[in-house]
Amino acid sequence: MTTSTSDRRGLIVDSAIDLIAAQGLRSLTHRALDTALELPAGSTSYYFRTRRALIEGMVDRIATRSRTDFAARPPEMDERDPDRLAHGIAGWLDRLLAQRRNDLIARHALIIELLGDAELHAKLVGCLFSHRHATGLFETLGATEPATAAADFIAVIEGLIFDRFAGARVALAPGTAQSVRQLAAVLAVQLRAAI
């Protein structure tokens, strides 16, 4: 059975994301990916000539998955009641933590790596919860300063996610009622404070 070019590229990108999540950004090399995927030496560099090309592939993959996840968000994320809205967003974030943990970890590592690359950095920063969507949310909720409220809310979401995979709450397993409650409690405070 042969693998198409797009399938092979996708496999390499997914493996690169998993490699970063497990071993950190320093582990990301073409050779390490060839080894992890049991490909002939030089295969990864055939599909991604440079490290930047490989990173760009990961950024595109993470951003695409994020857009897909956001498009499939639960209806509670469109609520106007702060508590129900917080619970909906918490459930969505909890699902991301359970199903896309490696993407979230790689995303944070890459955000730091790409501070000097305005294009790719902006793509990653805006892909979890975009400022445009957050501003629209706070306009709908009647916030007096929707853009500021949106930026603050995104900062809280980023902190919650980081806390759950690398901070004080790494032991709190996603996919549990306790996990959703913890996320919802913090989000509800932030939502109520902004309106």
C-alpha atoms as a PDB file:
ATOM      1  CA  MET A   1       0.000   0.000   0.000  1.00  0.00           C
ATOM      2  CA  THR A   2       1.377   3.403  -0.934  1.00  0.00           C
ATOM      3  CA  THR A   3       0.873   6.584   1.003  1.00  0.00           C
ATOM      4  CA  SER A   4      -0.039   9.767  -0.849  1.00  0.00           C
ATOM      5  CA  THR A   5       2.133  12.859  -0.497  1.00  0.00           C
ATOM      6  CA  SER A   6      -0.527  14.726   1.496  1.00  0.00           C
ATOM      7  CA  ASP A   7      -1.019  11.719   3.788  1.00  0.00           C
ATOM      8  CA  ARG A   8       2.727  11.418   4.350  1.00  0.00           C
ATOM      9  CA  ARG A   9       3.031  15.152   5.019  1.00  0.00           C
ATOM     10  CA  GLY A  10       0.131  14.951   7.483  1.00  0.00           C
ATOM     11  CA  LEU A  11       1.698  11.982   9.225  1.00  0.00           C
ATOM     12  CA  ILE A  12       4.996  13.850   9.580  1.00  0.00           C
ATOM     13  CA  VAL A  13       3.293  16.982  10.931  1.00  0.00           C
ATOM     14  CA  ASP A  14       1.240  14.994  13.434  1.00  0.00           C
ATOM     15  CA  SER A  15       4.352  13.147  14.554  1.00  0.00           C
ATOM     16  CA  ALA A  16       6.209  16.464  14.941  1.00  0.00           C
ATOM     17  CA  ILE A  17       3.408  17.817  17.155  1.00  0.00           C
ATOM     18  CA  ASP A  18       3.509  14.662  19.282  1.00  0.00           C
ATOM     19  CA  LEU A  19       7.313  14.808  19.486  1.00  0.00           C
ATOM     20  CA  ILE A  20       7.260  18.400  20.768  1.00  0.00           C
ATOM     21  CA  ALA A  21       4.527  17.571  23.285  1.00  0.00           C
ATOM     22  CA  ALA A  22       6.489  14.595  24.631  1.00  0.00           C
ATOM     23  CA  GLN A  23      10.091  15.813  24.436  1.00  0.00           C
ATOM     24  CA  GLY A  24      10.075  19.570  23.894  1.00  0.00           C
ATOM     25  CA  LEU A  25      10.957  21.765  20.957  1.00  0.00           C
ATOM     26  CA  ARG A  26      14.664  20.923  21.037  1.00  0.00           C
ATOM     27  CA  SER A  27      13.827  17.361  20.045  1.00  0.00           C
ATOM     28  CA  LEU A  28      12.331  18.485  16.736  1.00  0.00           C
ATOM     29  CA  THR A  29      14.695  17.411  13.970  1.00  0.00           C
ATOM     30  CA  HIS A  30      14.164  15.823  10.599  1.00  0.00           C
ATOM     31  CA  ARG A  31      16.207  12.823  11.715  1.00  0.00           C
ATOM     32  CA  ALA A  32      14.150  12.353  14.900  1.00  0.00           C
ATOM     33  CA  LEU A  33      10.963  12.322  12.848  1.00  0.00           C
ATOM     34  CA  ASP A  34      12.401   9.835  10.355  1.00  0.00           C
ATOM     35  CA  THR A  35      13.307   7.596  13.288  1.00  0.00           C
ATOM     36  CA  ALA A  36       9.965   7.991  15.068  1.00  0.00           C
ATOM     37  CA  LEU A  37       8.040   7.167  11.904  1.00  0.00           C
ATOM     38  CA  GLU A  38      10.481   4.449  10.804  1.00  0.00           C
ATOM     39  CA  LEU A  39      11.044   6.260   7.506  1.00  0.00           C
ATOM     40  CA  PRO A  40      14.193   6.069   5.431  1.00  0.00           C
ATOM     41  CA  ALA A  41      16.765   8.706   6.356  1.00  0.00           C
ATOM     42  CA  GLY A  42      16.024  11.985   4.589  1.00  0.00           C
ATOM     43  CA  SER A  43      12.291  11.342   4.152  1.00  0.00           C
ATOM     44  CA  THR A  44      11.144  14.184   6.382  1.00  0.00           C
ATOM     45  CA  SER A  45      13.487  16.644   4.686  1.00  0.00           C
ATOM     46  CA  TYR A  46      12.115  15.533   1.309  1.00  0.00           C
ATOM     47  CA  TYR A  47       8.634  16.687   2.341  1.00  0.00           C
ATOM     48  CA  PHE A  48       9.757  19.633   4.497  1.00  0.00           C
ATOM     49  CA  ARG A  49      13.069  21.020   3.249  1.00  0.00           C
ATOM     50  CA  THR A  50      13.690  23.260   6.243  1.00  0.00           C
ATOM     51  CA  ARG A  51      12.834  23.386   9.922  1.00  0.00           C
ATOM     52  CA  ARG A  52      10.733  26.470   9.206  1.00  0.00           C
ATOM     53  CA  ALA A  53       8.737  24.591   6.561  1.00  0.00           C
ATOM     54  CA  LEU A  54       8.058  21.856   9.099  1.00  0.00           C
ATOM     55  CA  ILE A  55       7.026  24.412  11.736  1.00  0.00           C
ATOM     56  CA  GLU A  56       4.788  26.130   9.206  1.00  0.00           C
ATOM     57  CA  GLY A  57       3.124  22.763   8.531  1.00  0.00           C
ATOM     58  CA  MET A  58       2.504  22.308  12.257  1.00  0.00           C
ATOM     59  CA  VAL A  59       1.103  25.828  12.623  1.00  0.00           C
ATOM     60  CA  ASP A  60      -1.263  25.235   9.702  1.00  0.00           C
ATOM     61  CA  ARG A  61      -2.384  21.889  11.143  1.00  0.00           C
ATOM     62  CA  ILE A  62      -3.009  23.288  14.635  1.00  0.00           C
ATOM     63  CA  ALA A  63      -4.838  26.356  13.276  1.00  0.00           C
ATOM     64  CA  THR A  64      -7.014  24.234  10.988  1.00  0.00           C
ATOM     65  CA  ARG A  65      -7.959  21.893  13.825  1.00  0.00           C
ATOM     66  CA  SER A  66      -8.738  24.869  16.043  1.00  0.00           C
ATOM     67  CA  ARG A  67     -11.054  26.397  13.433  1.00  0.00           C
ATOM     68  CA  THR A  68     -12.802  23.048  13.025  1.00  0.00           C
ATOM     69  CA  ASP A  69     -13.213  22.668  16.789  1.00  0.00           C
ATOM     70  CA  PHE A  70     -14.555  26.190  17.145  1.00  0.00           C
ATOM     71  CA  ALA A  71     -17.022  25.681  14.295  1.00  0.00           C
ATOM     72  CA  ALA A  72     -18.338  22.587  16.108  1.00  0.00           C
ATOM     73  CA  ARG A  73     -18.671  24.408  19.425  1.00  0.00           C
ATOM     74  CA  PRO A  74     -21.652  23.529  21.615  1.00  0.00           C
ATOM     75  CA  PRO A  75     -24.719  25.794  21.506  1.00  0.00           C
ATOM     76  CA  GLU A  76     -24.046  26.846  25.123  1.00  0.00           C
ATOM     77  CA  MET A  77     -21.114  28.885  23.808  1.00  0.00           C
ATOM     78  CA  ASP A  78     -23.629  31.225  22.198  1.00  0.00           C
ATOM     79  CA  GLU A  79     -25.574  31.818  25.431  1.00  0.00           C
ATOM     80  CA  ARG A  80     -26.038  35.258  26.929  1.00  0.00           C
ATOM     81  CA  ASP A  81     -26.277  34.056  30.519  1.00  0.00           C
ATOM     82  CA  PRO A  82     -22.723  34.257  31.963  1.00  0.00           C
ATOM     83  CA  ASP A  83     -23.008  31.040  33.988  1.00  0.00           C
ATOM     84  CA  ARG A  84     -24.375  28.935  31.131  1.00  0.00           C
ATOM     85  CA  LEU A  85     -21.869  30.515  28.745  1.00  0.00           C
ATOM     86  CA  ALA A  86     -19.014  29.789  31.155  1.00  0.00           C
ATOM     87  CA  HIS A  87     -20.163  26.178  31.440  1.00  0.00           C
ATOM     88  CA  GLY A  88     -20.347  25.820  27.638  1.00  0.00           C
ATOM     89  CA  ILE A  89     -16.883  27.272  27.096  1.00  0.00           C
ATOM     90  CA  ALA A  90     -15.513  25.167  29.977  1.00  0.00           C
ATOM     91  CA  GLY A  91     -16.921  22.005  28.407  1.00  0.00           C
ATOM     92  CA  TRP A  92     -15.361  22.935  25.074  1.00  0.00           C
ATOM     93  CA  LEU A  93     -11.964  23.659  26.681  1.00  0.00           C
ATOM     94  CA  ASP A  94     -12.148  20.431  28.673  1.00  0.00           C
ATOM     95  CA  ARG A  95     -12.782  18.490  25.460  1.00  0.00           C
ATOM     96  CA  LEU A  96      -9.744  20.170  23.869  1.00  0.00           C
ATOM     97  CA  LEU A  97      -7.632  19.223  26.885  1.00  0.00           C
ATOM     98  CA  ALA A  98      -8.814  15.636  26.625  1.00  0.00           C
ATOM     99  CA  GLN A  99      -8.627  15.201  22.850  1.00  0.00           C
ATOM    100  CA  ARG A 100      -5.995  17.689  21.649  1.00  0.00           C
ATOM    101  CA  ARG A 101      -3.579  17.939  24.557  1.00  0.00           C
ATOM    102  CA  ASN A 102      -0.517  17.488  22.343  1.00  0.00           C
ATOM    103  CA  ASP A 103      -1.708  20.239  19.987  1.00  0.00           C
ATOM    104  CA  LEU A 104      -2.146  22.604  22.937  1.00  0.00           C
ATOM    105  CA  ILE A 105       1.313  21.844  24.332  1.00  0.00           C
ATOM    106  CA  ALA A 106       3.002  22.163  20.923  1.00  0.00           C
ATOM    107  CA  ARG A 107       1.077  25.380  20.272  1.00  0.00           C
ATOM    108  CA  HIS A 108       2.438  26.983  23.439  1.00  0.00           C
ATOM    109  CA  ALA A 109       5.996  25.864  22.696  1.00  0.00           C
ATOM    110  CA  LEU A 110       5.735  27.183  19.143  1.00  0.00           C
ATOM    111  CA  ILE A 111       4.241  30.517  20.236  1.00  0.00           C
ATOM    112  CA  ILE A 112       7.429  31.202  22.180  1.00  0.00           C
ATOM    113  CA  GLU A 113       9.658  29.886  19.385  1.00  0.00           C
ATOM    114  CA  LEU A 114       7.923  32.121  16.844  1.00  0.00           C
ATOM    115  CA  LEU A 115       8.055  35.448  18.684  1.00  0.00           C
ATOM    116  CA  GLY A 116      10.234  36.790  15.876  1.00  0.00           C
ATOM    117  CA  ASP A 117       7.980  35.510  13.076  1.00  0.00           C
ATOM    118  CA  ALA A 118       5.001  37.867  13.006  1.00  0.00           C
ATOM    119  CA  GLU A 119       2.956  35.859  10.500  1.00  0.00           C
ATOM    120  CA  LEU A 120       3.178  32.418  12.099  1.00  0.00           C
ATOM    121  CA  HIS A 121       3.077  33.820  15.631  1.00  0.00           C
ATOM    122  CA  ALA A 122      -0.165  35.693  14.928  1.00  0.00           C
ATOM    123  CA  LYS A 123      -1.701  32.597  13.373  1.00  0.00           C
ATOM    124  CA  LEU A 124      -1.012  30.537  16.496  1.00  0.00           C
ATOM    125  CA  VAL A 125      -1.954  33.226  18.998  1.00  0.00           C
ATOM    126  CA  GLY A 126      -5.344  33.735  17.392  1.00  0.00           C
ATOM    127  CA  CYS A 127      -6.277  30.137  16.751  1.00  0.00           C
ATOM    128  CA  LEU A 128      -7.543  28.970  20.147  1.00  0.00           C
ATOM    129  CA  PHE A 129     -10.135  31.702  20.705  1.00  0.00           C
ATOM    130  CA  SER A 130      -9.846  34.587  18.282  1.00  0.00           C
ATOM    131  CA  HIS A 131      -9.965  38.181  19.448  1.00  0.00           C
ATOM    132  CA  ARG A 132     -12.621  38.904  16.824  1.00  0.00           C
ATOM    133  CA  HIS A 133     -14.956  36.191  18.144  1.00  0.00           C
ATOM    134  CA  ALA A 134     -14.285  37.148  21.755  1.00  0.00           C
ATOM    135  CA  THR A 135     -14.995  40.817  21.005  1.00  0.00           C
ATOM    136  CA  GLY A 136     -18.265  39.841  19.329  1.00  0.00           C
ATOM    137  CA  LEU A 137     -19.161  37.757  22.369  1.00  0.00           C
ATOM    138  CA  PHE A 138     -18.608  40.689  24.735  1.00  0.00           C
ATOM    139  CA  GLU A 139     -20.493  43.065  22.442  1.00  0.00           C
ATOM    140  CA  THR A 140     -23.442  40.660  22.605  1.00  0.00           C
ATOM    141  CA  LEU A 141     -23.139  40.506  26.387  1.00  0.00           C
ATOM    142  CA  GLY A 142     -23.203  44.309  26.560  1.00  0.00           C
ATOM    143  CA  ALA A 143     -19.687  44.888  27.899  1.00  0.00           C
ATOM    144  CA  THR A 144     -18.736  48.545  28.120  1.00  0.00           C
ATOM    145  CA  GLU A 145     -15.301  47.854  26.626  1.00  0.00           C
ATOM    146  CA  PRO A 146     -15.721  44.702  24.510  1.00  0.00           C
ATOM    147  CA  ALA A 147     -12.226  44.704  22.990  1.00  0.00           C
ATOM    148  CA  THR A 148     -10.549  44.984  26.398  1.00  0.00           C
ATOM    149  CA  ALA A 149     -12.881  42.397  27.898  1.00  0.00           C
ATOM    150  CA  ALA A 150     -12.099  40.075  24.976  1.00  0.00           C
ATOM    151  CA  ALA A 151      -8.330  40.428  25.419  1.00  0.00           C
ATOM    152  CA  ASP A 152      -8.637  39.779  29.159  1.00  0.00           C
ATOM    153  CA  PHE A 153     -10.892  36.771  28.585  1.00  0.00           C
ATOM    154  CA  ILE A 154      -8.475  35.243  26.075  1.00  0.00           C
ATOM    155  CA  ALA A 155      -5.619  35.759  28.548  1.00  0.00           C
ATOM    156  CA  VAL A 156      -7.629  33.884  31.185  1.00  0.00           C
ATOM    157  CA  ILE A 157      -8.387  31.038  28.756  1.00  0.00           C
ATOM    158  CA  GLU A 158      -4.708  30.760  27.801  1.00  0.00           C
ATOM    159  CA  GLY A 159      -3.728  30.681  31.464  1.00  0.00           C
ATOM    160  CA  LEU A 160      -6.321  28.025  32.288  1.00  0.00           C
ATOM    161  CA  ILE A 161      -5.127  25.804  29.468  1.00  0.00           C
ATOM    162  CA  PHE A 162      -1.466  26.213  30.409  1.00  0.00           C
ATOM    163  CA  ASP A 163      -2.244  25.539  34.073  1.00  0.00           C
ATOM    164  CA  ARG A 164      -3.923  22.273  33.147  1.00  0.00           C
ATOM    165  CA  PHE A 165      -1.102  20.799  31.049  1.00  0.00           C
ATOM    166  CA  ALA A 166       1.971  22.373  32.656  1.00  0.00           C
ATOM    167  CA  GLY A 167       0.952  24.213  35.829  1.00  0.00           C
ATOM    168  CA  ALA A 168      -0.438  23.541  39.268  1.00  0.00           C
ATOM    169  CA  ARG A 169      -3.454  21.574  38.027  1.00  0.00           C
ATOM    170  CA  VAL A 170      -1.814  18.956  35.807  1.00  0.00           C
ATOM    171  CA  ALA A 171      -3.262  16.233  38.043  1.00  0.00           C
ATOM    172  CA  LEU A 172      -6.840  17.357  37.348  1.00  0.00           C
ATOM    173  CA  ALA A 173      -7.875  14.974  34.594  1.00  0.00           C
ATOM    174  CA  PRO A 174      -9.890  16.374  31.689  1.00  0.00           C
ATOM    175  CA  GLY A 175     -13.091  14.648  30.735  1.00  0.00           C
ATOM    176  CA  THR A 176     -14.485  14.798  34.261  1.00  0.00           C
ATOM    177  CA  ALA A 177     -17.229  16.873  35.866  1.00  0.00           C
ATOM    178  CA  GLN A 178     -14.640  18.264  38.297  1.00  0.00           C
ATOM    179  CA  SER A 179     -12.516  19.478  35.396  1.00  0.00           C
ATOM    180  CA  VAL A 180     -15.423  21.287  33.753  1.00  0.00           C
ATOM    181  CA  ARG A 181     -16.499  22.824  37.088  1.00  0.00           C
ATOM    182  CA  GLN A 182     -13.000  24.161  37.752  1.00  0.00           C
ATOM    183  CA  LEU A 183     -12.793  25.788  34.325  1.00  0.00           C
ATOM    184  CA  ALA A 184     -16.372  27.113  34.458  1.00  0.00           C
ATOM    185  CA  ALA A 185     -15.900  28.735  37.881  1.00  0.00           C
ATOM    186  CA  VAL A 186     -12.981  30.845  36.678  1.00  0.00           C
ATOM    187  CA  LEU A 187     -14.643  31.726  33.360  1.00  0.00           C
ATOM    188  CA  ALA A 188     -17.894  32.754  35.042  1.00  0.00           C
ATOM    189  CA  VAL A 189     -16.048  35.204  37.311  1.00  0.00           C
ATOM    190  CA  GLN A 190     -14.309  36.725  34.289  1.00  0.00           C
ATOM    191  CA  LEU A 191     -17.521  36.950  32.235  1.00  0.00           C
ATOM    192  CA  ARG A 192     -19.502  38.574  35.072  1.00  0.00           C
ATOM    193  CA  ALA A 193     -16.708  41.066  35.776  1.00  0.00           C
ATOM    194  CA  ALA A 194     -16.737  42.306  32.177  1.00  0.00           C
ATOM    195  CA  ILE A 195     -20.463  43.021  31.923  1.00  0.00           C
END
